Amino acid sequence: MDIEVGVVTPDPLGDNDRVRACRLPAGDYATLTDREHDIRANRALLEWVRANGIRVDRSDDPSGDRFACRYEAFLTDPWTERRKKKWTIQLNMRVREACAADSVA
């Protein structure tokens, strides 16, 4: 699994030997906000995407799905609320433009 960790900052940052500045790709995203059910929430969002004929921007990879942009935004400050089950998390998957040759997620 290839994972990047990011933090939203009020102003752009420069790169250095430990941090690389970047932006999330523009586009439409399928989104679900959840608390307490990480795996079930991911499954629910993927099932909703399929049921509604929405195409997620992803491709097949020998090691599994490769998403163009799939991220979780922590809406609860973990420094304020230490109990993970109380955190509100927003799941986001970039949606690709409709194309007849595309398959549903």
PDB file of N, CA and C in Angstrom:
ATOM      1  N   MET A   1       0.848  -1.166   0.000  1.00  0.00           N
ATOM      2  CA  MET A   1       0.000   0.000   0.000  1.00  0.00           C
ATOM      3  C   MET A   1       0.897   1.233   0.000  1.00  0.00           C
ATOM      4  N   ASP A   2       0.610   2.162  -0.879  1.00  0.00           N
ATOM      5  CA  ASP A   2       1.365   3.402  -0.987  1.00  0.00           C
ATOM      6  C   ASP A   2       0.540   4.503  -0.326  1.00  0.00           C
ATOM      7  N   ILE A   3       1.084   5.124   0.714  1.00  0.00           N
ATOM      8  CA  ILE A   3       0.344   6.141   1.465  1.00  0.00           C
ATOM      9  C   ILE A   3       1.192   7.395   1.588  1.00  0.00           C
ATOM     10  N   GLU A   4       0.530   8.537   1.437  1.00  0.00           N
ATOM     11  CA  GLU A   4       1.153   9.820   1.723  1.00  0.00           C
ATOM     12  C   GLU A   4       0.378  10.463   2.854  1.00  0.00           C
ATOM     13  N   VAL A   5       1.064  11.191   3.690  1.00  0.00           N
ATOM     14  CA  VAL A   5       0.435  11.903   4.793  1.00  0.00           C
ATOM     15  C   VAL A   5       0.525  13.388   4.489  1.00  0.00           C
ATOM     16  N   GLY A   6      -0.568  14.099   4.703  1.00  0.00           N
ATOM     17  CA  GLY A   6      -0.558  15.522   4.405  1.00  0.00           C
ATOM     18  C   GLY A   6      -1.223  16.332   5.499  1.00  0.00           C
ATOM     19  N   VAL A   7      -0.913  17.610   5.503  1.00  0.00           N
ATOM     20  CA  VAL A   7      -1.490  18.545   6.446  1.00  0.00           C
ATOM     21  C   VAL A   7      -1.877  19.794   5.673  1.00  0.00           C
ATOM     22  N   VAL A   8      -3.069  20.290   5.933  1.00  0.00           N
ATOM     23  CA  VAL A   8      -3.522  21.528   5.299  1.00  0.00           C
ATOM     24  C   VAL A   8      -2.840  22.692   6.010  1.00  0.00           C
ATOM     25  N   THR A   9      -2.306  23.612   5.220  1.00  0.00           N
ATOM     26  CA  THR A   9      -1.639  24.786   5.779  1.00  0.00           C
ATOM     27  C   THR A   9      -2.298  26.049   5.234  1.00  0.00           C
ATOM     28  N   PRO A  10      -2.291  27.123   5.989  1.00  0.00           N
ATOM     29  CA  PRO A  10      -2.934  28.358   5.519  1.00  0.00           C
ATOM     30  C   PRO A  10      -2.192  29.008   4.351  1.00  0.00           C
ATOM     31  N   ASP A  11      -0.883  28.774   4.268  1.00  0.00           N
ATOM     32  CA  ASP A  11      -0.070  29.356   3.207  1.00  0.00           C
ATOM     33  C   ASP A  11       0.771  28.252   2.566  1.00  0.00           C
ATOM     34  N   PRO A  12       1.123  28.404   1.285  1.00  0.00           N
ATOM     35  CA  PRO A  12       1.975  27.399   0.639  1.00  0.00           C
ATOM     36  C   PRO A  12       3.313  27.260   1.357  1.00  0.00           C
ATOM     37  N   LEU A  13       3.820  26.042   1.366  1.00  0.00           N
ATOM     38  CA  LEU A  13       5.127  25.763   1.963  1.00  0.00           C
ATOM     39  C   LEU A  13       6.127  25.445   0.864  1.00  0.00           C
ATOM     40  N   GLY A  14       7.371  25.692   1.122  1.00  0.00           N
ATOM     41  CA  GLY A  14       8.423  25.299   0.195  1.00  0.00           C
ATOM     42  C   GLY A  14       8.880  23.884   0.502  1.00  0.00           C
ATOM     43  N   ASP A  15       9.486  23.241  -0.475  1.00  0.00           N
ATOM     44  CA  ASP A  15      10.034  21.899  -0.270  1.00  0.00           C
ATOM     45  C   ASP A  15      11.323  21.972   0.546  1.00  0.00           C
ATOM     46  N   ASN A  16      11.606  20.893   1.256  1.00  0.00           N
ATOM     47  CA  ASN A  16      12.910  20.730   1.877  1.00  0.00           C
ATOM     48  C   ASN A  16      13.234  19.241   1.852  1.00  0.00           C
ATOM     49  N   ASP A  17      14.282  18.812   2.533  1.00  0.00           N
ATOM     50  CA  ASP A  17      14.682  17.408   2.454  1.00  0.00           C
ATOM     51  C   ASP A  17      13.731  16.465   3.203  1.00  0.00           C
ATOM     52  N   ARG A  18      12.785  16.983   3.981  1.00  0.00           N
ATOM     53  CA  ARG A  18      11.819  16.142   4.691  1.00  0.00           C
ATOM     54  C   ARG A  18      10.385  16.329   4.217  1.00  0.00           C
ATOM     55  N   VAL A  19      10.060  17.474   3.626  1.00  0.00           N
ATOM     56  CA  VAL A  19       8.676  17.812   3.273  1.00  0.00           C
ATOM     57  C   VAL A  19       8.600  18.216   1.811  1.00  0.00           C
ATOM     58  N   ARG A  20       7.565  17.710   1.139  1.00  0.00           N
ATOM     59  CA  ARG A  20       7.327  18.088  -0.255  1.00  0.00           C
ATOM     60  C   ARG A  20       5.955  18.747  -0.332  1.00  0.00           C
ATOM     61  N   ALA A  21       5.924  19.970  -0.806  1.00  0.00           N
ATOM     62  CA  ALA A  21       4.657  20.686  -0.953  1.00  0.00           C
ATOM     63  C   ALA A  21       3.908  20.157  -2.175  1.00  0.00           C
ATOM     64  N   CYS A  22       2.602  19.993  -2.045  1.00  0.00           N
ATOM     65  CA  CYS A  22       1.790  19.567  -3.182  1.00  0.00           C
ATOM     66  C   CYS A  22       0.340  19.971  -2.937  1.00  0.00           C
ATOM     67  N   ARG A  23      -0.501  19.722  -3.929  1.00  0.00           N
ATOM     68  CA  ARG A  23      -1.926  20.041  -3.843  1.00  0.00           C
ATOM     69  C   ARG A  23      -2.730  18.819  -4.241  1.00  0.00           C
ATOM     70  N   LEU A  24      -3.937  18.730  -3.703  1.00  0.00           N
ATOM     71  CA  LEU A  24      -4.852  17.676  -4.144  1.00  0.00           C
ATOM     72  C   LEU A  24      -5.299  17.990  -5.556  1.00  0.00           C
ATOM     73  N   PRO A  25      -5.487  16.969  -6.398  1.00  0.00           N
ATOM     74  CA  PRO A  25      -5.935  17.224  -7.763  1.00  0.00           C
ATOM     75  C   PRO A  25      -7.337  17.837  -7.801  1.00  0.00           C
ATOM     76  N   ALA A  26      -7.514  18.773  -8.712  1.00  0.00           N
ATOM     77  CA  ALA A  26      -8.833  19.383  -8.895  1.00  0.00           C
ATOM     78  C   ALA A  26      -9.790  18.345  -9.471  1.00  0.00           C
ATOM     79  N   GLY A  27     -11.053  18.558  -9.291  1.00  0.00           N
ATOM     80  CA  GLY A  27     -12.060  17.666  -9.848  1.00  0.00           C
ATOM     81  C   GLY A  27     -13.184  17.422  -8.866  1.00  0.00           C
ATOM     82  N   ASP A  28     -14.099  16.573  -9.276  1.00  0.00           N
ATOM     83  CA  ASP A  28     -15.218  16.203  -8.423  1.00  0.00           C
ATOM     84  C   ASP A  28     -14.826  15.002  -7.569  1.00  0.00           C
ATOM     85  N   TYR A  29     -15.386  14.940  -6.374  1.00  0.00           N
ATOM     86  CA  TYR A  29     -15.087  13.863  -5.436  1.00  0.00           C
ATOM     87  C   TYR A  29     -16.387  13.274  -4.883  1.00  0.00           C
ATOM     88  N   ALA A  30     -16.424  11.946  -4.758  1.00  0.00           N
ATOM     89  CA  ALA A  30     -17.475  11.279  -4.003  1.00  0.00           C
ATOM     90  C   ALA A  30     -17.037  11.339  -2.549  1.00  0.00           C
ATOM     91  N   THR A  31     -17.942  11.742  -1.665  1.00  0.00           N
ATOM     92  CA  THR A  31     -17.572  12.007  -0.276  1.00  0.00           C
ATOM     93  C   THR A  31     -18.567  11.373   0.689  1.00  0.00           C
ATOM     94  N   LEU A  32     -18.055  10.863   1.794  1.00  0.00           N
ATOM     95  CA  LEU A  32     -18.890  10.330   2.867  1.00  0.00           C
ATOM     96  C   LEU A  32     -18.259  10.744   4.188  1.00  0.00           C
ATOM     97  N   THR A  33     -19.067  11.298   5.083  1.00  0.00           N
ATOM     98  CA  THR A  33     -18.589  11.680   6.403  1.00  0.00           C
ATOM     99  C   THR A  33     -19.057  10.633   7.402  1.00  0.00           C
ATOM    100  N   ASP A  34     -18.145  10.192   8.269  1.00  0.00           N
ATOM    101  CA  ASP A  34     -18.438   9.067   9.148  1.00  0.00           C
ATOM    102  C   ASP A  34     -17.775   9.246  10.501  1.00  0.00           C
ATOM    103  N   ARG A  35     -18.293   8.502  11.455  1.00  0.00           N
ATOM    104  CA  ARG A  35     -17.675   8.422  12.778  1.00  0.00           C
ATOM    105  C   ARG A  35     -17.731   6.966  13.221  1.00  0.00           C
ATOM    106  N   GLU A  36     -16.596   6.418  13.595  1.00  0.00           N
ATOM    107  CA  GLU A  36     -16.499   5.127  14.265  1.00  0.00           C
ATOM    108  C   GLU A  36     -16.417   3.893  13.368  1.00  0.00           C
ATOM    109  N   HIS A  37     -16.724   3.961  12.091  1.00  0.00           N
ATOM    110  CA  HIS A  37     -16.790   2.749  11.265  1.00  0.00           C
ATOM    111  C   HIS A  37     -15.913   2.868  10.020  1.00  0.00           C
ATOM    112  N   ASP A  38     -14.607   2.944  10.191  1.00  0.00           N
ATOM    113  CA  ASP A  38     -13.674   3.187   9.088  1.00  0.00           C
ATOM    114  C   ASP A  38     -13.853   2.222   7.916  1.00  0.00           C
ATOM    115  N   ILE A  39     -13.736   0.933   8.170  1.00  0.00           N
ATOM    116  CA  ILE A  39     -13.795  -0.057   7.085  1.00  0.00           C
ATOM    117  C   ILE A  39     -15.187  -0.093   6.471  1.00  0.00           C
ATOM    118  N   ARG A  40     -16.209  -0.095   7.308  1.00  0.00           N
ATOM    119  CA  ARG A  40     -17.585  -0.104   6.779  1.00  0.00           C
ATOM    120  C   ARG A  40     -17.880   1.164   5.986  1.00  0.00           C
ATOM    121  N   ALA A  41     -17.344   2.291   6.412  1.00  0.00           N
ATOM    122  CA  ALA A  41     -17.571   3.542   5.697  1.00  0.00           C
ATOM    123  C   ALA A  41     -16.931   3.502   4.317  1.00  0.00           C
ATOM    124  N   ASN A  42     -15.706   3.002   4.218  1.00  0.00           N
ATOM    125  CA  ASN A  42     -15.052   2.869   2.913  1.00  0.00           C
ATOM    126  C   ASN A  42     -15.864   1.950   2.002  1.00  0.00           C
ATOM    127  N   ARG A  43     -16.310   0.831   2.538  1.00  0.00           N
ATOM    128  CA  ARG A  43     -17.117  -0.108   1.762  1.00  0.00           C
ATOM    129  C   ARG A  43     -18.432   0.548   1.328  1.00  0.00           C
ATOM    130  N   ALA A  44     -19.077   1.283   2.230  1.00  0.00           N
ATOM    131  CA  ALA A  44     -20.342   1.950   1.912  1.00  0.00           C
ATOM    132  C   ALA A  44     -20.165   2.975   0.800  1.00  0.00           C
ATOM    133  N   LEU A  45     -19.077   3.736   0.840  1.00  0.00           N
ATOM    134  CA  LEU A  45     -18.837   4.730  -0.211  1.00  0.00           C
ATOM    135  C   LEU A  45     -18.601   4.046  -1.554  1.00  0.00           C
ATOM    136  N   LEU A  46     -17.801   2.983  -1.579  1.00  0.00           N
ATOM    137  CA  LEU A  46     -17.576   2.248  -2.835  1.00  0.00           C
ATOM    138  C   LEU A  46     -18.868   1.628  -3.361  1.00  0.00           C
ATOM    139  N   GLU A  47     -19.701   1.087  -2.482  1.00  0.00           N
ATOM    140  CA  GLU A  47     -20.978   0.510  -2.913  1.00  0.00           C
ATOM    141  C   GLU A  47     -21.906   1.596  -3.451  1.00  0.00           C
ATOM    142  N   TRP A  48     -21.932   2.763  -2.824  1.00  0.00           N
ATOM    143  CA  TRP A  48     -22.772   3.874  -3.293  1.00  0.00           C
ATOM    144  C   TRP A  48     -22.309   4.338  -4.669  1.00  0.00           C
ATOM    145  N   VAL A  49     -20.993   4.436  -4.846  1.00  0.00           N
ATOM    146  CA  VAL A  49     -20.431   4.846  -6.142  1.00  0.00           C
ATOM    147  C   VAL A  49     -20.881   3.868  -7.225  1.00  0.00           C
ATOM    148  N   ARG A  50     -20.738   2.576  -6.975  1.00  0.00           N
ATOM    149  CA  ARG A  50     -21.144   1.556  -7.956  1.00  0.00           C
ATOM    150  C   ARG A  50     -22.635   1.624  -8.240  1.00  0.00           C
ATOM    151  N   ALA A  51     -23.444   1.702  -7.193  1.00  0.00           N
ATOM    152  CA  ALA A  51     -24.909   1.711  -7.345  1.00  0.00           C
ATOM    153  C   ALA A  51     -25.396   2.918  -8.135  1.00  0.00           C
ATOM    154  N   ASN A  52     -24.648   4.013  -8.107  1.00  0.00           N
ATOM    155  CA  ASN A  52     -25.060   5.226  -8.806  1.00  0.00           C
ATOM    156  C   ASN A  52     -24.337   5.428 -10.130  1.00  0.00           C
ATOM    157  N   GLY A  53     -23.593   4.408 -10.579  1.00  0.00           N
ATOM    158  CA  GLY A  53     -22.928   4.477 -11.879  1.00  0.00           C
ATOM    159  C   GLY A  53     -21.840   5.533 -11.959  1.00  0.00           C
ATOM    160  N   ILE A  54     -21.249   5.862 -10.831  1.00  0.00           N
ATOM    161  CA  ILE A  54     -20.188   6.865 -10.792  1.00  0.00           C
ATOM    162  C   ILE A  54     -18.849   6.165 -10.988  1.00  0.00           C
ATOM    163  N   ARG A  55     -17.991   6.744 -11.787  1.00  0.00           N
ATOM    164  CA  ARG A  55     -16.687   6.161 -12.060  1.00  0.00           C
ATOM    165  C   ARG A  55     -15.631   6.873 -11.222  1.00  0.00           C
ATOM    166  N   VAL A  56     -14.960   6.102 -10.384  1.00  0.00           N
ATOM    167  CA  VAL A  56     -13.883   6.640  -9.559  1.00  0.00           C
ATOM    168  C   VAL A  56     -12.610   6.662 -10.395  1.00  0.00           C
ATOM    169  N   ASP A  57     -11.792   7.685 -10.216  1.00  0.00           N
ATOM    170  CA  ASP A  57     -10.542   7.824 -10.962  1.00  0.00           C
ATOM    171  C   ASP A  57      -9.511   6.859 -10.371  1.00  0.00           C
ATOM    172  N   ARG A  58      -9.489   5.644 -10.890  1.00  0.00           N
ATOM    173  CA  ARG A  58      -8.626   4.580 -10.383  1.00  0.00           C
ATOM    174  C   ARG A  58      -8.194   3.688 -11.526  1.00  0.00           C
ATOM    175  N   SER A  59      -7.181   2.899 -11.271  1.00  0.00           N
ATOM    176  CA  SER A  59      -6.734   1.920 -12.257  1.00  0.00           C
ATOM    177  C   SER A  59      -6.294   0.664 -11.520  1.00  0.00           C
ATOM    178  N   ASP A  60      -6.212  -0.440 -12.269  1.00  0.00           N
ATOM    179  CA  ASP A  60      -5.743  -1.691 -11.685  1.00  0.00           C
ATOM    180  C   ASP A  60      -4.228  -1.652 -11.557  1.00  0.00           C
ATOM    181  N   ASP A  61      -3.733  -2.283 -10.521  1.00  0.00           N
ATOM    182  CA  ASP A  61      -2.306  -2.342 -10.262  1.00  0.00           C
ATOM    183  C   ASP A  61      -2.023  -3.744  -9.729  1.00  0.00           C
ATOM    184  N   PRO A  62      -0.871  -4.333 -10.027  1.00  0.00           N
ATOM    185  CA  PRO A  62      -0.580  -5.677  -9.504  1.00  0.00           C
ATOM    186  C   PRO A  62      -0.728  -5.793  -7.987  1.00  0.00           C
ATOM    187  N   SER A  63      -0.498  -4.705  -7.263  1.00  0.00           N
ATOM    188  CA  SER A  63      -0.605  -4.752  -5.808  1.00  0.00           C
ATOM    189  C   SER A  63      -1.994  -4.365  -5.298  1.00  0.00           C
ATOM    190  N   GLY A  64      -2.946  -4.050  -6.203  1.00  0.00           N
ATOM    191  CA  GLY A  64      -4.305  -3.668  -5.800  1.00  0.00           C
ATOM    192  C   GLY A  64      -4.769  -2.447  -6.558  1.00  0.00           C
ATOM    193  N   ASP A  65      -5.834  -1.818  -6.079  1.00  0.00           N
ATOM    194  CA  ASP A  65      -6.353  -0.606  -6.720  1.00  0.00           C
ATOM    195  C   ASP A  65      -5.349   0.531  -6.594  1.00  0.00           C
ATOM    196  N   ARG A  66      -5.244   1.344  -7.642  1.00  0.00           N
ATOM    197  CA  ARG A  66      -4.433   2.559  -7.596  1.00  0.00           C
ATOM    198  C   ARG A  66      -5.373   3.724  -7.867  1.00  0.00           C
ATOM    199  N   PHE A  67      -5.639   4.504  -6.833  1.00  0.00           N
ATOM    200  CA  PHE A  67      -6.543   5.644  -6.945  1.00  0.00           C
ATOM    201  C   PHE A  67      -5.756   6.892  -7.310  1.00  0.00           C
ATOM    202  N   ALA A  68      -6.306   7.701  -8.229  1.00  0.00           N
ATOM    203  CA  ALA A  68      -5.657   8.967  -8.590  1.00  0.00           C
ATOM    204  C   ALA A  68      -5.624   9.892  -7.373  1.00  0.00           C
ATOM    205  N   CYS A  69      -6.710   9.888  -6.596  1.00  0.00           N
ATOM    206  CA  CYS A  69      -6.733  10.638  -5.343  1.00  0.00           C
ATOM    207  C   CYS A  69      -7.846  10.073  -4.467  1.00  0.00           C
ATOM    208  N   ARG A  70      -7.454   9.526  -3.363  1.00  0.00           N
ATOM    209  CA  ARG A  70      -8.377   8.999  -2.349  1.00  0.00           C
ATOM    210  C   ARG A  70      -7.785   9.406  -1.017  1.00  0.00           C
ATOM    211  N   TYR A  71      -8.559  10.164  -0.243  1.00  0.00           N
ATOM    212  CA  TYR A  71      -7.988  10.637   1.015  1.00  0.00           C
ATOM    213  C   TYR A  71      -9.045  10.739   2.109  1.00  0.00           C
ATOM    214  N   GLU A  72      -8.564  10.777   3.337  1.00  0.00           N
ATOM    215  CA  GLU A  72      -9.404  10.983   4.505  1.00  0.00           C
ATOM    216  C   GLU A  72      -9.043  12.331   5.114  1.00  0.00           C
ATOM    217  N   ALA A  73     -10.066  13.115   5.423  1.00  0.00           N
ATOM    218  CA  ALA A  73      -9.863  14.390   6.109  1.00  0.00           C
ATOM    219  C   ALA A  73     -10.399  14.244   7.526  1.00  0.00           C
ATOM    220  N   PHE A  74      -9.557  14.483   8.500  1.00  0.00           N
ATOM    221  CA  PHE A  74      -9.956  14.379   9.896  1.00  0.00           C
ATOM    222  C   PHE A  74     -10.597  15.704  10.310  1.00  0.00           C
ATOM    223  N   LEU A  75     -11.912  15.685  10.506  1.00  0.00           N
ATOM    224  CA  LEU A  75     -12.644  16.901  10.841  1.00  0.00           C
ATOM    225  C   LEU A  75     -12.610  17.183  12.341  1.00  0.00           C
ATOM    226  N   THR A  76     -12.239  16.189  13.117  1.00  0.00           N
ATOM    227  CA  THR A  76     -12.071  16.348  14.562  1.00  0.00           C
ATOM    228  C   THR A  76     -10.585  16.505  14.859  1.00  0.00           C
ATOM    229  N   ASP A  77     -10.260  17.427  15.710  1.00  0.00           N
ATOM    230  CA  ASP A  77      -8.870  17.638  16.109  1.00  0.00           C
ATOM    231  C   ASP A  77      -8.453  16.545  17.091  1.00  0.00           C
ATOM    232  N   PRO A  78      -7.525  15.647  16.697  1.00  0.00           N
ATOM    233  CA  PRO A  78      -7.129  14.571  17.600  1.00  0.00           C
ATOM    234  C   PRO A  78      -6.418  15.057  18.866  1.00  0.00           C
ATOM    235  N   TRP A  79      -5.947  16.287  18.876  1.00  0.00           N
ATOM    236  CA  TRP A  79      -5.332  16.839  20.096  1.00  0.00           C
ATOM    237  C   TRP A  79      -6.415  17.262  21.091  1.00  0.00           C
ATOM    238  N   THR A  80      -7.608  17.561  20.580  1.00  0.00           N
ATOM    239  CA  THR A  80      -8.722  17.955  21.441  1.00  0.00           C
ATOM    240  C   THR A  80      -9.521  16.735  21.885  1.00  0.00           C
ATOM    241  N   GLU A  81      -9.770  15.814  20.951  1.00  0.00           N
ATOM    242  CA  GLU A  81     -10.524  14.581  21.234  1.00  0.00           C
ATOM    243  C   GLU A  81      -9.597  13.397  21.026  1.00  0.00           C
ATOM    244  N   ARG A  82      -9.144  12.785  22.096  1.00  0.00           N
ATOM    245  CA  ARG A  82      -8.179  11.686  22.022  1.00  0.00           C
ATOM    246  C   ARG A  82      -8.805  10.359  21.618  1.00  0.00           C
ATOM    247  N   ARG A  83     -10.119  10.197  21.829  1.00  0.00           N
ATOM    248  CA  ARG A  83     -10.780   8.921  21.537  1.00  0.00           C
ATOM    249  C   ARG A  83     -11.125   8.835  20.050  1.00  0.00           C
ATOM    250  N   LYS A  84     -10.463   7.932  19.332  1.00  0.00           N
ATOM    251  CA  LYS A  84     -10.642   7.798  17.887  1.00  0.00           C
ATOM    252  C   LYS A  84     -12.097   7.520  17.514  1.00  0.00           C
ATOM    253  N   LYS A  85     -12.817   6.788  18.341  1.00  0.00           N
ATOM    254  CA  LYS A  85     -14.220   6.486  18.041  1.00  0.00           C
ATOM    255  C   LYS A  85     -15.096   7.736  18.033  1.00  0.00           C
ATOM    256  N   LYS A  86     -14.607   8.825  18.546  1.00  0.00           N
ATOM    257  CA  LYS A  86     -15.356  10.086  18.564  1.00  0.00           C
ATOM    258  C   LYS A  86     -14.974  11.010  17.405  1.00  0.00           C
ATOM    259  N   TRP A  87     -13.947  10.628  16.641  1.00  0.00           N
ATOM    260  CA  TRP A  87     -13.509  11.468  15.532  1.00  0.00           C
ATOM    261  C   TRP A  87     -14.506  11.422  14.386  1.00  0.00           C
ATOM    262  N   THR A  88     -14.711  12.541  13.728  1.00  0.00           N
ATOM    263  CA  THR A  88     -15.488  12.611  12.500  1.00  0.00           C
ATOM    264  C   THR A  88     -14.490  12.675  11.352  1.00  0.00           C
ATOM    265  N   ILE A  89     -14.639  11.729  10.411  1.00  0.00           N
ATOM    266  CA  ILE A  89     -13.696  11.595   9.302  1.00  0.00           C
ATOM    267  C   ILE A  89     -14.464  11.679   7.992  1.00  0.00           C
ATOM    268  N   GLN A  90     -13.936  12.431   7.055  1.00  0.00           N
ATOM    269  CA  GLN A  90     -14.535  12.562   5.726  1.00  0.00           C
ATOM    270  C   GLN A  90     -13.701  11.751   4.741  1.00  0.00           C
ATOM    271  N   LEU A  91     -14.342  10.787   4.073  1.00  0.00           N
ATOM    272  CA  LEU A  91     -13.686   9.982   3.044  1.00  0.00           C
ATOM    273  C   LEU A  91     -13.940  10.643   1.701  1.00  0.00           C
ATOM    274  N   ASN A  92     -12.924  10.687   0.850  1.00  0.00           N
ATOM    275  CA  ASN A  92     -13.034  11.357  -0.446  1.00  0.00           C
ATOM    276  C   ASN A  92     -12.346  10.529  -1.525  1.00  0.00           C
ATOM    277  N   MET A  93     -13.041  10.342  -2.655  1.00  0.00           N
ATOM    278  CA  MET A  93     -12.477   9.632  -3.802  1.00  0.00           C
ATOM    279  C   MET A  93     -12.735  10.480  -5.045  1.00  0.00           C
ATOM    280  N   ARG A  94     -11.669  10.760  -5.770  1.00  0.00           N
ATOM    281  CA  ARG A  94     -11.819  11.559  -6.983  1.00  0.00           C
ATOM    282  C   ARG A  94     -12.597  10.779  -8.031  1.00  0.00           C
ATOM    283  N   VAL A  95     -13.542  11.473  -8.665  1.00  0.00           N
ATOM    284  CA  VAL A  95     -14.404  10.885  -9.689  1.00  0.00           C
ATOM    285  C   VAL A  95     -13.862  11.265 -11.048  1.00  0.00           C
ATOM    286  N   ARG A  96     -13.860  10.322 -11.977  1.00  0.00           N
ATOM    287  CA  ARG A  96     -13.392  10.656 -13.321  1.00  0.00           C
ATOM    288  C   ARG A  96     -14.570  11.041 -14.191  1.00  0.00           C
ATOM    289  N   GLU A  97     -14.273  11.770 -15.249  1.00  0.00           N
ATOM    290  CA  GLU A  97     -15.311  12.164 -16.192  1.00  0.00           C
ATOM    291  C   GLU A  97     -15.846  10.950 -16.895  1.00  0.00           C
ATOM    292  N   ALA A  98     -17.108  10.973 -17.245  1.00  0.00           N
ATOM    293  CA  ALA A  98     -17.750   9.827 -17.893  1.00  0.00           C
ATOM    294  C   ALA A  98     -17.091   9.545 -19.238  1.00  0.00           C
ATOM    295  N   CYS A  99     -16.866   8.264 -19.479  1.00  0.00           N
ATOM    296  CA  CYS A  99     -16.283   7.817 -20.730  1.00  0.00           C
ATOM    297  C   CYS A  99     -16.840   6.428 -21.013  1.00  0.00           C
ATOM    298  N   ALA A 100     -17.291   6.169 -22.200  1.00  0.00           N
ATOM    299  CA  ALA A 100     -17.925   4.892 -22.535  1.00  0.00           C
ATOM    300  C   ALA A 100     -17.015   3.701 -22.282  1.00  0.00           C
ATOM    301  N   ALA A 101     -15.705   3.875 -22.394  1.00  0.00           N
ATOM    302  CA  ALA A 101     -14.770   2.757 -22.234  1.00  0.00           C
ATOM    303  C   ALA A 101     -14.440   2.480 -20.764  1.00  0.00           C
ATOM    304  N   ASP A 102     -14.788   3.404 -19.875  1.00  0.00           N
ATOM    305  CA  ASP A 102     -14.473   3.232 -18.460  1.00  0.00           C
ATOM    306  C   ASP A 102     -15.373   2.174 -17.824  1.00  0.00           C
ATOM    307  N   SER A 103     -14.809   1.496 -16.844  1.00  0.00           N
ATOM    308  CA  SER A 103     -15.625   0.572 -16.045  1.00  0.00           C
ATOM    309  C   SER A 103     -15.922   1.214 -14.726  1.00  0.00           C
ATOM    310  N   VAL A 104     -17.012   0.823 -14.130  1.00  0.00           N
ATOM    311  CA  VAL A 104     -17.387   1.346 -12.823  1.00  0.00           C
ATOM    312  C   VAL A 104     -16.421   0.802 -11.792  1.00  0.00           C
ATOM    313  N   ALA A 105     -16.094   1.607 -10.816  1.00  0.00           N
ATOM    314  CA  ALA A 105     -15.110   1.289  -9.769  1.00  0.00           C
ATOM    315  C   ALA A 105     -15.066  -0.148  -9.358  1.00  0.00           C
TER     316      ALA A 105
END
